[in-house]
Amino acid sequence: MRAIWTGSIAFGLVNVPVKAYGATSDHDIDLHQVHEKDGGRIRYQRRCEICGEKVSYKDIDKAYDDGEQTVVLTDEEMDALPAEKSREIEVVQFVPAAQIDPLTLERSYYLEADSKSPKAYELLRRTLEDTEKTAIVRFALRQKTRLGVLRVRDKVLVLQAMMWADEIRAADFAVPETSPRISAQELKMSASLVEQFSADFTPEDFEDDYQVQLRTLIEAKLAEGEALDTDATFGQQESGEDSGGEVIDLMEALKRSIDSKSSKSSQAKPAKEKPAKEKAAKAKPAKKSPAKKSTSKKSTSKKSTSAKTGSSTAKKTEKAPTTQKKKKKASSATDKRKEA
């Protein structure tokens, strides 16, 4: 990586020398314009509208036209501006990260410690991590004074340029006078759909489909030339019905979305793990079940034995009074005979 800017971070009275590197790059395939008829390259030339001469970059200055007069500003005059001369990233505030509107964020830059003793750099980095704050900074880069945020990413300080407040446009378009009525069931189903799509964000899981397809088209074109069949290269795409003016059944669309996501997630589950778990789940109760059954049988037999014993004892106790009555009757009959 090549440093695009060198300067320092002013953190109160602490000075942190740094180098700035571009943290992002464009992965789009470079294309140029050609003449359709013969494939000739179309080039743009910088010509002066007064003399008609081609002008090189070194001979071009900036100018401001107020409608009546034109003011030409040379590179030397632009470089003389005090803000442009500054090589300092000034920390002006520390704020919670949640207060930064993503709409205001622009290009990012990695900051490397540019000193033999990186202690001040490490101090600022650790401070931002421990306090969970984001630093608001002011700096000048490429003939423009900028506002920015300073934060930590992967143990490295990152400077991210921001747009000024007056550069953010308002949503200046017609808003419906009355809000559409949303039922509780629609909200519930919509929340269920959100839950099914919820996951931890992993940027590596996504790719630029257009650029991949463009690369495929270029490689196929290089191999096959003008005889390229795009349907054979990409497969014939089915054209959906035009539903531009169709009124959508929101509930039906939510139901179909949930069902579709559920079927996809069930298909995406690994097939090997499930049988193993089922086998383990089935194997464990199988060992324990005979013991439980035998125990239950024993307890049942015990209960039945005790029940039988109890019933026979009860029968004996019931028979005992009858025998005693018979003995009393016999003895009373004997006494009567003796008296006679």
C-alpha atoms as a PDB file:
ATOM      1  CA  MET A   1       0.000   0.000   0.000  1.00  0.00           C
ATOM      2  CA  ARG A   2       1.146   3.529  -0.732  1.00  0.00           C
ATOM      3  CA  ALA A   3       0.513   6.359   1.725  1.00  0.00           C
ATOM      4  CA  ILE A   4      -1.635   9.137   0.231  1.00  0.00           C
ATOM      5  CA  TRP A   5      -1.223  11.612   3.099  1.00  0.00           C
ATOM      6  CA  THR A   6       1.061  12.208   6.056  1.00  0.00           C
ATOM      7  CA  GLY A   7       0.298  14.328   9.083  1.00  0.00           C
ATOM      8  CA  SER A   8      -0.642  13.961  12.719  1.00  0.00           C
ATOM      9  CA  ILE A   9      -3.639  13.615  15.036  1.00  0.00           C
ATOM     10  CA  ALA A  10      -3.987  16.436  17.575  1.00  0.00           C
ATOM     11  CA  PHE A  11      -5.460  14.768  20.676  1.00  0.00           C
ATOM     12  CA  GLY A  12      -5.458  17.683  23.142  1.00  0.00           C
ATOM     13  CA  LEU A  13      -1.762  18.389  23.701  1.00  0.00           C
ATOM     14  CA  VAL A  14      -0.867  14.896  22.510  1.00  0.00           C
ATOM     15  CA  ASN A  15       0.464  14.686  18.956  1.00  0.00           C
ATOM     16  CA  VAL A  16       0.145  11.373  17.080  1.00  0.00           C
ATOM     17  CA  PRO A  17       2.145  11.234  13.786  1.00  0.00           C
ATOM     18  CA  VAL A  18       0.318   9.083  11.197  1.00  0.00           C
ATOM     19  CA  LYS A  19       0.275   8.028   7.555  1.00  0.00           C
ATOM     20  CA  ALA A  20      -3.042   7.638   5.708  1.00  0.00           C
ATOM     21  CA  TYR A  21      -3.793   4.811   3.265  1.00  0.00           C
ATOM     22  CA  GLY A  22      -6.898   4.245   1.175  1.00  0.00           C
ATOM     23  CA  ALA A  23      -8.956   1.607   3.004  1.00  0.00           C
ATOM     24  CA  THR A  24     -11.223   0.744   0.069  1.00  0.00           C
ATOM     25  CA  SER A  25     -10.872   0.054  -3.642  1.00  0.00           C
ATOM     26  CA  ASP A  26     -13.301  -0.287  -6.532  1.00  0.00           C
ATOM     27  CA  HIS A  27     -13.582  -3.849  -7.873  1.00  0.00           C
ATOM     28  CA  ASP A  28     -15.596  -2.909 -10.979  1.00  0.00           C
ATOM     29  CA  ILE A  29     -14.205  -4.049 -14.337  1.00  0.00           C
ATOM     30  CA  ASP A  30     -12.860  -1.111 -16.336  1.00  0.00           C
ATOM     31  CA  LEU A  31     -14.688  -0.574 -19.627  1.00  0.00           C
ATOM     32  CA  HIS A  32     -14.097   2.092 -22.274  1.00  0.00           C
ATOM     33  CA  GLN A  33     -16.258   3.438 -25.083  1.00  0.00           C
ATOM     34  CA  VAL A  34     -15.822   2.469 -28.732  1.00  0.00           C
ATOM     35  CA  HIS A  35     -17.414   3.306 -32.052  1.00  0.00           C
ATOM     36  CA  GLU A  36     -20.123   0.684 -32.712  1.00  0.00           C
ATOM     37  CA  LYS A  37     -19.385   0.684 -36.456  1.00  0.00           C
ATOM     38  CA  ASP A  38     -15.679  -0.173 -36.432  1.00  0.00           C
ATOM     39  CA  GLY A  39     -14.726  -0.600 -32.737  1.00  0.00           C
ATOM     40  CA  GLY A  40     -12.528   2.490 -32.743  1.00  0.00           C
ATOM     41  CA  ARG A  41     -11.706   3.876 -29.276  1.00  0.00           C
ATOM     42  CA  ILE A  42     -13.644   6.999 -28.268  1.00  0.00           C
ATOM     43  CA  ARG A  43     -11.350   9.466 -26.491  1.00  0.00           C
ATOM     44  CA  TYR A  44     -12.197  12.742 -24.819  1.00  0.00           C
ATOM     45  CA  GLN A  45      -9.939  15.679 -25.439  1.00  0.00           C
ATOM     46  CA  ARG A  46      -9.560  18.854 -23.423  1.00  0.00           C
ATOM     47  CA  ARG A  47      -9.887  21.676 -25.935  1.00  0.00           C
ATOM     48  CA  CYS A  48     -10.084  25.392 -25.287  1.00  0.00           C
ATOM     49  CA  GLU A  49     -13.324  26.829 -26.691  1.00  0.00           C
ATOM     50  CA  ILE A  50     -11.560  30.076 -27.598  1.00  0.00           C
ATOM     51  CA  CYS A  51      -8.447  28.954 -29.464  1.00  0.00           C
ATOM     52  CA  GLY A  52      -9.438  25.339 -30.137  1.00  0.00           C
ATOM     53  CA  GLU A  53      -6.118  23.955 -28.902  1.00  0.00           C
ATOM     54  CA  LYS A  54      -5.788  20.746 -26.889  1.00  0.00           C
ATOM     55  CA  VAL A  55      -4.811  21.583 -23.301  1.00  0.00           C
ATOM     56  CA  SER A  56      -2.714  19.366 -20.995  1.00  0.00           C
ATOM     57  CA  TYR A  57      -3.515  18.972 -17.295  1.00  0.00           C
ATOM     58  CA  LYS A  58      -0.542  21.082 -16.187  1.00  0.00           C
ATOM     59  CA  ASP A  59      -1.975  24.069 -18.074  1.00  0.00           C
ATOM     60  CA  ILE A  60      -5.452  23.812 -16.556  1.00  0.00           C
ATOM     61  CA  ASP A  61      -6.542  26.091 -13.700  1.00  0.00           C
ATOM     62  CA  LYS A  62      -9.822  26.331 -11.791  1.00  0.00           C
ATOM     63  CA  ALA A  63     -12.215  29.216 -12.182  1.00  0.00           C
ATOM     64  CA  TYR A  64     -15.425  30.579 -10.687  1.00  0.00           C
ATOM     65  CA  ASP A  65     -18.052  32.230 -12.871  1.00  0.00           C
ATOM     66  CA  ASP A  66     -20.730  34.340 -11.146  1.00  0.00           C
ATOM     67  CA  GLY A  67     -22.564  34.985 -14.408  1.00  0.00           C
ATOM     68  CA  GLU A  68     -20.864  38.306 -15.098  1.00  0.00           C
ATOM     69  CA  GLN A  69     -17.223  37.777 -14.236  1.00  0.00           C
ATOM     70  CA  THR A  70     -14.848  34.818 -14.220  1.00  0.00           C
ATOM     71  CA  VAL A  71     -12.248  34.464 -11.488  1.00  0.00           C
ATOM     72  CA  VAL A  72      -9.307  32.164 -12.310  1.00  0.00           C
ATOM     73  CA  LEU A  73      -7.641  30.434  -9.360  1.00  0.00           C
ATOM     74  CA  THR A  74      -4.165  28.981  -9.862  1.00  0.00           C
ATOM     75  CA  ASP A  75      -2.793  25.926  -8.041  1.00  0.00           C
ATOM     76  CA  GLU A  76      -0.400  28.169  -6.102  1.00  0.00           C
ATOM     77  CA  GLU A  77      -3.296  30.309  -4.875  1.00  0.00           C
ATOM     78  CA  MET A  78      -5.317  27.251  -3.894  1.00  0.00           C
ATOM     79  CA  ASP A  79      -2.378  25.769  -1.999  1.00  0.00           C
ATOM     80  CA  ALA A  80      -1.948  29.056  -0.121  1.00  0.00           C
ATOM     81  CA  LEU A  81      -5.255  28.604   1.746  1.00  0.00           C
ATOM     82  CA  PRO A  82      -4.549  28.113   5.501  1.00  0.00           C
ATOM     83  CA  ALA A  83      -6.776  25.033   5.769  1.00  0.00           C
ATOM     84  CA  GLU A  84      -5.030  23.346   2.863  1.00  0.00           C
ATOM     85  CA  LYS A  85      -1.645  23.932   4.481  1.00  0.00           C
ATOM     86  CA  SER A  86      -2.716  22.128   7.649  1.00  0.00           C
ATOM     87  CA  ARG A  87      -1.349  18.612   8.060  1.00  0.00           C
ATOM     88  CA  GLU A  88      -3.286  17.964  11.214  1.00  0.00           C
ATOM     89  CA  ILE A  89      -6.306  15.841  12.104  1.00  0.00           C
ATOM     90  CA  GLU A  90      -7.877  17.787  14.960  1.00  0.00           C
ATOM     91  CA  VAL A  91     -10.014  15.872  17.468  1.00  0.00           C
ATOM     92  CA  VAL A  92     -12.926  18.175  18.391  1.00  0.00           C
ATOM     93  CA  GLN A  93     -15.386  15.827  20.159  1.00  0.00           C
ATOM     94  CA  PHE A  94     -15.961  12.315  21.449  1.00  0.00           C
ATOM     95  CA  VAL A  95     -19.482  10.994  20.842  1.00  0.00           C
ATOM     96  CA  PRO A  96     -21.365   7.668  21.036  1.00  0.00           C
ATOM     97  CA  ALA A  97     -21.095   5.771  17.752  1.00  0.00           C
ATOM     98  CA  ALA A  98     -24.898   5.505  17.562  1.00  0.00           C
ATOM     99  CA  GLN A  99     -25.123   9.269  17.004  1.00  0.00           C
ATOM    100  CA  ILE A 100     -23.289   9.051  13.663  1.00  0.00           C
ATOM    101  CA  ASP A 101     -25.729   8.946  10.754  1.00  0.00           C
ATOM    102  CA  PRO A 102     -24.427   6.412   8.168  1.00  0.00           C
ATOM    103  CA  LEU A 103     -25.799   8.682   5.418  1.00  0.00           C
ATOM    104  CA  THR A 104     -23.047  11.205   6.183  1.00  0.00           C
ATOM    105  CA  LEU A 105     -20.120   8.765   5.889  1.00  0.00           C
ATOM    106  CA  GLU A 106     -17.810   8.770   2.860  1.00  0.00           C
ATOM    107  CA  ARG A 107     -14.458   7.181   1.972  1.00  0.00           C
ATOM    108  CA  SER A 108     -12.336   5.524   4.660  1.00  0.00           C
ATOM    109  CA  TYR A 109      -8.583   5.670   5.329  1.00  0.00           C
ATOM    110  CA  TYR A 110      -6.335   3.472   7.472  1.00  0.00           C
ATOM    111  CA  LEU A 111      -4.001   5.411   9.749  1.00  0.00           C
ATOM    112  CA  GLU A 112      -0.568   3.957  10.509  1.00  0.00           C
ATOM    113  CA  ALA A 113       1.676   5.170  13.312  1.00  0.00           C
ATOM    114  CA  ASP A 114       4.424   7.273  11.676  1.00  0.00           C
ATOM    115  CA  SER A 115       6.874   7.371  14.551  1.00  0.00           C
ATOM    116  CA  LYS A 116       9.666   5.326  16.061  1.00  0.00           C
ATOM    117  CA  SER A 117       7.736   5.445  19.344  1.00  0.00           C
ATOM    118  CA  PRO A 118       4.089   4.513  18.621  1.00  0.00           C
ATOM    119  CA  LYS A 119       3.031   4.944  22.264  1.00  0.00           C
ATOM    120  CA  ALA A 120       0.774   7.953  21.547  1.00  0.00           C
ATOM    121  CA  TYR A 121      -0.932   6.023  18.724  1.00  0.00           C
ATOM    122  CA  GLU A 122      -1.519   3.034  21.012  1.00  0.00           C
ATOM    123  CA  LEU A 123      -2.811   5.313  23.783  1.00  0.00           C
ATOM    124  CA  LEU A 124      -5.432   6.888  21.506  1.00  0.00           C
ATOM    125  CA  ARG A 125      -6.457   3.513  20.086  1.00  0.00           C
ATOM    126  CA  ARG A 126      -6.886   1.964  23.535  1.00  0.00           C
ATOM    127  CA  THR A 127      -8.776   5.025  24.772  1.00  0.00           C
ATOM    128  CA  LEU A 128     -11.306   4.792  21.946  1.00  0.00           C
ATOM    129  CA  GLU A 129     -11.782   1.072  22.619  1.00  0.00           C
ATOM    130  CA  ASP A 130     -12.130   1.378  26.393  1.00  0.00           C
ATOM    131  CA  THR A 131     -14.509   4.352  26.323  1.00  0.00           C
ATOM    132  CA  GLU A 132     -16.511   2.940  23.369  1.00  0.00           C
ATOM    133  CA  LYS A 133     -16.546   6.416  21.836  1.00  0.00           C
ATOM    134  CA  THR A 134     -16.033   7.754  18.324  1.00  0.00           C
ATOM    135  CA  ALA A 135     -13.857  10.823  17.786  1.00  0.00           C
ATOM    136  CA  ILE A 136     -15.174  13.657  15.610  1.00  0.00           C
ATOM    137  CA  VAL A 137     -12.272  15.270  13.743  1.00  0.00           C
ATOM    138  CA  ARG A 138     -11.537  18.054  11.264  1.00  0.00           C
ATOM    139  CA  PHE A 139      -8.894  17.716   8.548  1.00  0.00           C
ATOM    140  CA  ALA A 140      -7.962  18.907   5.054  1.00  0.00           C
ATOM    141  CA  LEU A 141      -7.360  16.512   2.167  1.00  0.00           C
ATOM    142  CA  ARG A 142      -7.098  17.115  -1.582  1.00  0.00           C
ATOM    143  CA  GLN A 143      -8.084  20.773  -1.561  1.00  0.00           C
ATOM    144  CA  LYS A 144     -11.087  20.242   0.652  1.00  0.00           C
ATOM    145  CA  THR A 145     -11.691  20.774   4.356  1.00  0.00           C
ATOM    146  CA  ARG A 146     -13.515  17.780   5.755  1.00  0.00           C
ATOM    147  CA  LEU A 147     -15.303  16.563   8.832  1.00  0.00           C
ATOM    148  CA  GLY A 148     -14.637  12.976   9.839  1.00  0.00           C
ATOM    149  CA  VAL A 149     -14.837  10.247  12.439  1.00  0.00           C
ATOM    150  CA  LEU A 150     -11.952   8.409  14.024  1.00  0.00           C
ATOM    151  CA  ARG A 151     -12.610   4.864  15.219  1.00  0.00           C
ATOM    152  CA  VAL A 152     -10.873   1.512  15.682  1.00  0.00           C
ATOM    153  CA  ARG A 153     -11.109  -1.456  13.316  1.00  0.00           C
ATOM    154  CA  ASP A 154      -9.018  -4.589  13.800  1.00  0.00           C
ATOM    155  CA  LYS A 155      -6.596  -2.806  16.152  1.00  0.00           C
ATOM    156  CA  VAL A 156      -6.014  -0.044  13.568  1.00  0.00           C
ATOM    157  CA  LEU A 157      -7.209   3.570  13.656  1.00  0.00           C
ATOM    158  CA  VAL A 158      -9.570   4.364  10.793  1.00  0.00           C
ATOM    159  CA  LEU A 159     -10.366   7.869   9.552  1.00  0.00           C
ATOM    160  CA  GLN A 160     -13.700   8.112   7.753  1.00  0.00           C
ATOM    161  CA  ALA A 161     -14.645  11.323   5.958  1.00  0.00           C
ATOM    162  CA  MET A 162     -18.118  12.775   6.538  1.00  0.00           C
ATOM    163  CA  MET A 163     -20.323  15.092   4.540  1.00  0.00           C
ATOM    164  CA  TRP A 164     -21.178  18.455   6.035  1.00  0.00           C
ATOM    165  CA  ALA A 165     -24.698  18.969   7.370  1.00  0.00           C
ATOM    166  CA  ASP A 166     -25.688  21.311   4.515  1.00  0.00           C
ATOM    167  CA  GLU A 167     -24.608  18.668   1.958  1.00  0.00           C
ATOM    168  CA  ILE A 168     -27.300  16.208   3.091  1.00  0.00           C
ATOM    169  CA  ARG A 169     -30.477  16.679   1.094  1.00  0.00           C
ATOM    170  CA  ALA A 170     -33.889  16.379   2.699  1.00  0.00           C
ATOM    171  CA  ALA A 171     -36.392  13.797   1.452  1.00  0.00           C
ATOM    172  CA  ASP A 172     -38.252  16.444  -0.534  1.00  0.00           C
ATOM    173  CA  PHE A 173     -41.057  14.480  -2.148  1.00  0.00           C
ATOM    174  CA  ALA A 174     -44.764  14.038  -1.620  1.00  0.00           C
ATOM    175  CA  VAL A 175     -45.696  12.017   1.451  1.00  0.00           C
ATOM    176  CA  PRO A 176     -49.135  10.341   1.624  1.00  0.00           C
ATOM    177  CA  GLU A 177     -51.532  12.391   3.727  1.00  0.00           C
ATOM    178  CA  THR A 178     -52.869   9.302   5.488  1.00  0.00           C
ATOM    179  CA  SER A 179     -50.816   6.277   6.474  1.00  0.00           C
ATOM    180  CA  PRO A 180     -52.050   2.893   5.234  1.00  0.00           C
ATOM    181  CA  ARG A 181     -53.694   0.768   7.925  1.00  0.00           C
ATOM    182  CA  ILE A 182     -51.515  -2.140   9.049  1.00  0.00           C
ATOM    183  CA  SER A 183     -53.251  -4.936  10.925  1.00  0.00           C
ATOM    184  CA  ALA A 184     -51.793  -6.690  13.973  1.00  0.00           C
ATOM    185  CA  GLN A 185     -51.663  -9.981  12.032  1.00  0.00           C
ATOM    186  CA  GLU A 186     -49.668  -8.374   9.215  1.00  0.00           C
ATOM    187  CA  LEU A 187     -47.181  -6.944  11.716  1.00  0.00           C
ATOM    188  CA  LYS A 188     -46.878 -10.339  13.422  1.00  0.00           C
ATOM    189  CA  MET A 189     -46.217 -12.164  10.154  1.00  0.00           C
ATOM    190  CA  SER A 190     -43.782  -9.501   9.019  1.00  0.00           C
ATOM    191  CA  ALA A 191     -41.877  -9.831  12.315  1.00  0.00           C
ATOM    192  CA  SER A 192     -41.848 -13.617  11.832  1.00  0.00           C
ATOM    193  CA  LEU A 193     -40.332 -13.170   8.380  1.00  0.00           C
ATOM    194  CA  VAL A 194     -37.694 -10.838   9.826  1.00  0.00           C
ATOM    195  CA  GLU A 195     -36.862 -13.462  12.457  1.00  0.00           C
ATOM    196  CA  GLN A 196     -36.349 -16.105   9.770  1.00  0.00           C
ATOM    197  CA  PHE A 197     -33.918 -13.831   7.901  1.00  0.00           C
ATOM    198  CA  SER A 198     -32.060 -12.770  11.072  1.00  0.00           C
ATOM    199  CA  ALA A 199     -28.383 -13.775  11.347  1.00  0.00           C
ATOM    200  CA  ASP A 200     -24.948 -12.361  12.106  1.00  0.00           C
ATOM    201  CA  PHE A 201     -23.672 -10.291   9.175  1.00  0.00           C
ATOM    202  CA  THR A 202     -20.686 -11.817   7.376  1.00  0.00           C
ATOM    203  CA  PRO A 203     -19.599  -9.621   4.417  1.00  0.00           C
ATOM    204  CA  GLU A 204     -17.611 -12.492   2.861  1.00  0.00           C
ATOM    205  CA  ASP A 205     -20.846 -14.395   2.271  1.00  0.00           C
ATOM    206  CA  PHE A 206     -21.901 -11.882  -0.391  1.00  0.00           C
ATOM    207  CA  GLU A 207     -20.463 -11.080  -3.810  1.00  0.00           C
ATOM    208  CA  ASP A 208     -21.138  -8.647  -6.613  1.00  0.00           C
ATOM    209  CA  ASP A 209     -23.269 -10.788  -8.955  1.00  0.00           C
ATOM    210  CA  TYR A 210     -23.171  -8.210 -11.755  1.00  0.00           C
ATOM    211  CA  GLN A 211     -19.361  -8.098 -11.877  1.00  0.00           C
ATOM    212  CA  VAL A 212     -19.143 -11.921 -11.766  1.00  0.00           C
ATOM    213  CA  GLN A 213     -21.601 -12.204 -14.655  1.00  0.00           C
ATOM    214  CA  LEU A 214     -19.788  -9.436 -16.556  1.00  0.00           C
ATOM    215  CA  ARG A 215     -16.494 -11.320 -16.177  1.00  0.00           C
ATOM    216  CA  THR A 216     -18.200 -14.512 -17.426  1.00  0.00           C
ATOM    217  CA  LEU A 217     -19.553 -12.609 -20.442  1.00  0.00           C
ATOM    218  CA  ILE A 218     -16.117 -11.165 -21.268  1.00  0.00           C
ATOM    219  CA  GLU A 219     -14.411 -14.572 -21.020  1.00  0.00           C
ATOM    220  CA  ALA A 220     -17.111 -16.213 -23.147  1.00  0.00           C
ATOM    221  CA  LYS A 221     -16.844 -13.401 -25.694  1.00  0.00           C
ATOM    222  CA  LEU A 222     -13.052 -13.820 -25.860  1.00  0.00           C
ATOM    223  CA  ALA A 223     -13.490 -17.550 -26.436  1.00  0.00           C
ATOM    224  CA  GLU A 224     -16.431 -17.541 -28.853  1.00  0.00           C
ATOM    225  CA  GLY A 225     -16.314 -14.080 -30.438  1.00  0.00           C
ATOM    226  CA  GLU A 226     -19.460 -12.760 -32.108  1.00  0.00           C
ATOM    227  CA  ALA A 227     -20.976 -16.249 -32.164  1.00  0.00           C
ATOM    228  CA  LEU A 228     -21.687 -15.973 -28.434  1.00  0.00           C
ATOM    229  CA  ASP A 229     -25.077 -17.311 -27.344  1.00  0.00           C
ATOM    230  CA  THR A 230     -26.009 -15.498 -24.132  1.00  0.00           C
ATOM    231  CA  ASP A 231     -28.831 -17.954 -23.369  1.00  0.00           C
ATOM    232  CA  ALA A 232     -26.348 -20.831 -23.505  1.00  0.00           C
ATOM    233  CA  THR A 233     -23.858 -18.874 -21.367  1.00  0.00           C
ATOM    234  CA  PHE A 234     -26.219 -17.763 -18.615  1.00  0.00           C
ATOM    235  CA  GLY A 235     -29.236 -19.994 -19.161  1.00  0.00           C
ATOM    236  CA  GLN A 236     -32.543 -18.736 -20.492  1.00  0.00           C
ATOM    237  CA  GLN A 237     -34.118 -16.363 -18.030  1.00  0.00           C
ATOM    238  CA  GLU A 238     -37.851 -16.601 -17.495  1.00  0.00           C
ATOM    239  CA  SER A 239     -39.544 -13.262 -17.846  1.00  0.00           C
ATOM    240  CA  GLY A 240     -41.979 -12.657 -14.995  1.00  0.00           C
ATOM    241  CA  GLU A 241     -45.389 -11.200 -15.541  1.00  0.00           C
ATOM    242  CA  ASP A 242     -45.656  -7.442 -15.314  1.00  0.00           C
ATOM    243  CA  SER A 243     -47.319  -6.612 -12.017  1.00  0.00           C
ATOM    244  CA  GLY A 244     -46.702  -2.898 -12.083  1.00  0.00           C
ATOM    245  CA  GLY A 245     -50.323  -1.909 -11.507  1.00  0.00           C
ATOM    246  CA  GLU A 246     -51.383  -5.075  -9.684  1.00  0.00           C
ATOM    247  CA  VAL A 247     -52.690  -4.756  -6.140  1.00  0.00           C
ATOM    248  CA  ILE A 248     -50.658  -7.104  -3.976  1.00  0.00           C
ATOM    249  CA  ASP A 249     -52.334  -9.302  -1.370  1.00  0.00           C
ATOM    250  CA  LEU A 250     -49.937  -8.467   1.458  1.00  0.00           C
ATOM    251  CA  MET A 251     -50.979 -11.320   3.743  1.00  0.00           C
ATOM    252  CA  GLU A 252     -50.626 -13.872   0.948  1.00  0.00           C
ATOM    253  CA  ALA A 253     -47.198 -12.483   0.016  1.00  0.00           C
ATOM    254  CA  LEU A 254     -46.051 -12.731   3.655  1.00  0.00           C
ATOM    255  CA  LYS A 255     -47.303 -16.303   3.969  1.00  0.00           C
ATOM    256  CA  ARG A 256     -45.557 -17.377   0.764  1.00  0.00           C
ATOM    257  CA  SER A 257     -42.344 -15.647   1.848  1.00  0.00           C
ATOM    258  CA  ILE A 258     -42.340 -17.400   5.230  1.00  0.00           C
ATOM    259  CA  ASP A 259     -43.103 -20.795   3.639  1.00  0.00           C
ATOM    260  CA  SER A 260     -40.386 -20.301   1.033  1.00  0.00           C
ATOM    261  CA  LYS A 261     -37.788 -19.329   3.636  1.00  0.00           C
ATOM    262  CA  SER A 262     -38.774 -22.260   5.863  1.00  0.00           C
ATOM    263  CA  SER A 263     -38.394 -24.767   3.027  1.00  0.00           C
ATOM    264  CA  LYS A 264     -35.016 -23.325   2.032  1.00  0.00           C
ATOM    265  CA  SER A 265     -33.701 -23.406   5.606  1.00  0.00           C
ATOM    266  CA  SER A 266     -34.841 -27.020   6.066  1.00  0.00           C
ATOM    267  CA  GLN A 267     -33.057 -28.018   2.846  1.00  0.00           C
ATOM    268  CA  ALA A 268     -29.925 -26.163   3.910  1.00  0.00           C
ATOM    269  CA  LYS A 269     -29.564 -28.148   7.176  1.00  0.00           C
ATOM    270  CA  PRO A 270     -26.751 -30.742   7.071  1.00  0.00           C
ATOM    271  CA  ALA A 271     -28.114 -34.225   6.417  1.00  0.00           C
ATOM    272  CA  LYS A 272     -25.345 -36.088   8.274  1.00  0.00           C
ATOM    273  CA  GLU A 273     -25.771 -34.542  11.704  1.00  0.00           C
ATOM    274  CA  LYS A 274     -29.498 -35.147  12.048  1.00  0.00           C
ATOM    275  CA  PRO A 275     -29.477 -38.987  11.797  1.00  0.00           C
ATOM    276  CA  ALA A 276     -26.574 -39.182  14.256  1.00  0.00           C
ATOM    277  CA  LYS A 277     -28.488 -37.117  16.792  1.00  0.00           C
ATOM    278  CA  GLU A 278     -31.614 -39.162  16.247  1.00  0.00           C
ATOM    279  CA  LYS A 279     -29.682 -42.404  16.702  1.00  0.00           C
ATOM    280  CA  ALA A 280     -28.121 -41.137  19.906  1.00  0.00           C
ATOM    281  CA  ALA A 281     -31.486 -39.934  21.141  1.00  0.00           C
ATOM    282  CA  LYS A 282     -33.081 -43.279  20.366  1.00  0.00           C
ATOM    283  CA  ALA A 283     -30.198 -45.336  21.786  1.00  0.00           C
ATOM    284  CA  LYS A 284     -30.230 -43.724  25.237  1.00  0.00           C
ATOM    285  CA  PRO A 285     -33.906 -44.381  26.149  1.00  0.00           C
ATOM    286  CA  ALA A 286     -33.639 -47.952  24.740  1.00  0.00           C
ATOM    287  CA  LYS A 287     -31.160 -48.987  27.451  1.00  0.00           C
ATOM    288  CA  LYS A 288     -33.186 -47.520  30.286  1.00  0.00           C
ATOM    289  CA  SER A 289     -36.631 -48.711  29.177  1.00  0.00           C
ATOM    290  CA  PRO A 290     -36.227 -52.432  30.094  1.00  0.00           C
ATOM    291  CA  ALA A 291     -35.207 -51.541  33.657  1.00  0.00           C
ATOM    292  CA  LYS A 292     -38.170 -49.231  33.998  1.00  0.00           C
ATOM    293  CA  LYS A 293     -40.556 -51.836  32.624  1.00  0.00           C
ATOM    294  CA  SER A 294     -39.217 -54.624  34.873  1.00  0.00           C
ATOM    295  CA  THR A 295     -39.439 -52.342  37.875  1.00  0.00           C
ATOM    296  CA  SER A 296     -42.970 -51.440  37.008  1.00  0.00           C
ATOM    297  CA  LYS A 297     -43.820 -55.099  36.556  1.00  0.00           C
ATOM    298  CA  LYS A 298     -42.300 -55.984  39.922  1.00  0.00           C
ATOM    299  CA  SER A 299     -44.118 -53.194  41.656  1.00  0.00           C
ATOM    300  CA  THR A 300     -47.328 -54.266  39.937  1.00  0.00           C
ATOM    301  CA  SER A 301     -46.849 -57.889  41.026  1.00  0.00           C
ATOM    302  CA  LYS A 302     -46.116 -56.766  44.553  1.00  0.00           C
ATOM    303  CA  LYS A 303     -49.224 -54.655  44.567  1.00  0.00           C
ATOM    304  CA  SER A 304     -51.339 -57.523  43.240  1.00  0.00           C
ATOM    305  CA  THR A 305     -49.872 -59.961  45.810  1.00  0.00           C
ATOM    306  CA  SER A 306     -50.499 -57.574  48.657  1.00  0.00           C
ATOM    307  CA  ALA A 307     -53.985 -56.973  47.321  1.00  0.00           C
ATOM    308  CA  LYS A 308     -54.682 -60.697  47.226  1.00  0.00           C
ATOM    309  CA  THR A 309     -53.293 -61.173  50.738  1.00  0.00           C
ATOM    310  CA  GLY A 310     -55.402 -58.306  51.974  1.00  0.00           C
ATOM    311  CA  SER A 311     -58.553 -59.688  50.374  1.00  0.00           C
ATOM    312  CA  SER A 312     -58.008 -63.197  51.749  1.00  0.00           C
ATOM    313  CA  THR A 313     -57.392 -61.800  55.235  1.00  0.00           C
ATOM    314  CA  ALA A 314     -60.559 -59.777  54.943  1.00  0.00           C
ATOM    315  CA  LYS A 315     -62.489 -62.891  53.928  1.00  0.00           C
ATOM    316  CA  LYS A 316     -61.165 -64.799  56.918  1.00  0.00           C
ATOM    317  CA  THR A 317     -62.167 -61.986  59.268  1.00  0.00           C
ATOM    318  CA  GLU A 318     -65.593 -61.949  57.690  1.00  0.00           C
ATOM    319  CA  LYS A 319     -65.964 -65.760  58.181  1.00  0.00           C
ATOM    320  CA  ALA A 320     -64.856 -65.666  61.853  1.00  0.00           C
ATOM    321  CA  PRO A 321     -68.013 -63.988  63.240  1.00  0.00           C
ATOM    322  CA  THR A 322     -70.211 -66.587  61.439  1.00  0.00           C
ATOM    323  CA  THR A 323     -68.389 -69.516  63.092  1.00  0.00           C
ATOM    324  CA  GLN A 324     -68.697 -67.904  66.527  1.00  0.00           C
ATOM    325  CA  LYS A 325     -72.467 -67.482  66.007  1.00  0.00           C
ATOM    326  CA  LYS A 326     -72.806 -71.176  65.127  1.00  0.00           C
ATOM    327  CA  LYS A 327     -70.895 -72.179  68.305  1.00  0.00           C
ATOM    328  CA  LYS A 328     -73.153 -69.963  70.454  1.00  0.00           C
ATOM    329  CA  LYS A 329     -76.281 -71.489  68.917  1.00  0.00           C
ATOM    330  CA  ALA A 330     -74.965 -75.037  69.526  1.00  0.00           C
ATOM    331  CA  SER A 331     -74.081 -74.294  73.177  1.00  0.00           C
ATOM    332  CA  SER A 332     -77.517 -72.716  73.839  1.00  0.00           C
ATOM    333  CA  ALA A 333     -79.244 -75.811  72.371  1.00  0.00           C
ATOM    334  CA  THR A 334     -77.198 -78.111  74.609  1.00  0.00           C
ATOM    335  CA  ASP A 335     -78.161 -76.080  77.715  1.00  0.00           C
ATOM    336  CA  LYS A 336     -81.883 -76.317  76.860  1.00  0.00           C
ATOM    337  CA  ARG A 337     -81.603 -80.115  76.542  1.00  0.00           C
ATOM    338  CA  LYS A 338     -79.943 -80.356  79.953  1.00  0.00           C
ATOM    339  CA  GLU A 339     -82.701 -78.285  81.552  1.00  0.00           C
ATOM    340  CA  ALA A 340     -85.377 -80.477  79.974  1.00  0.00           C
END
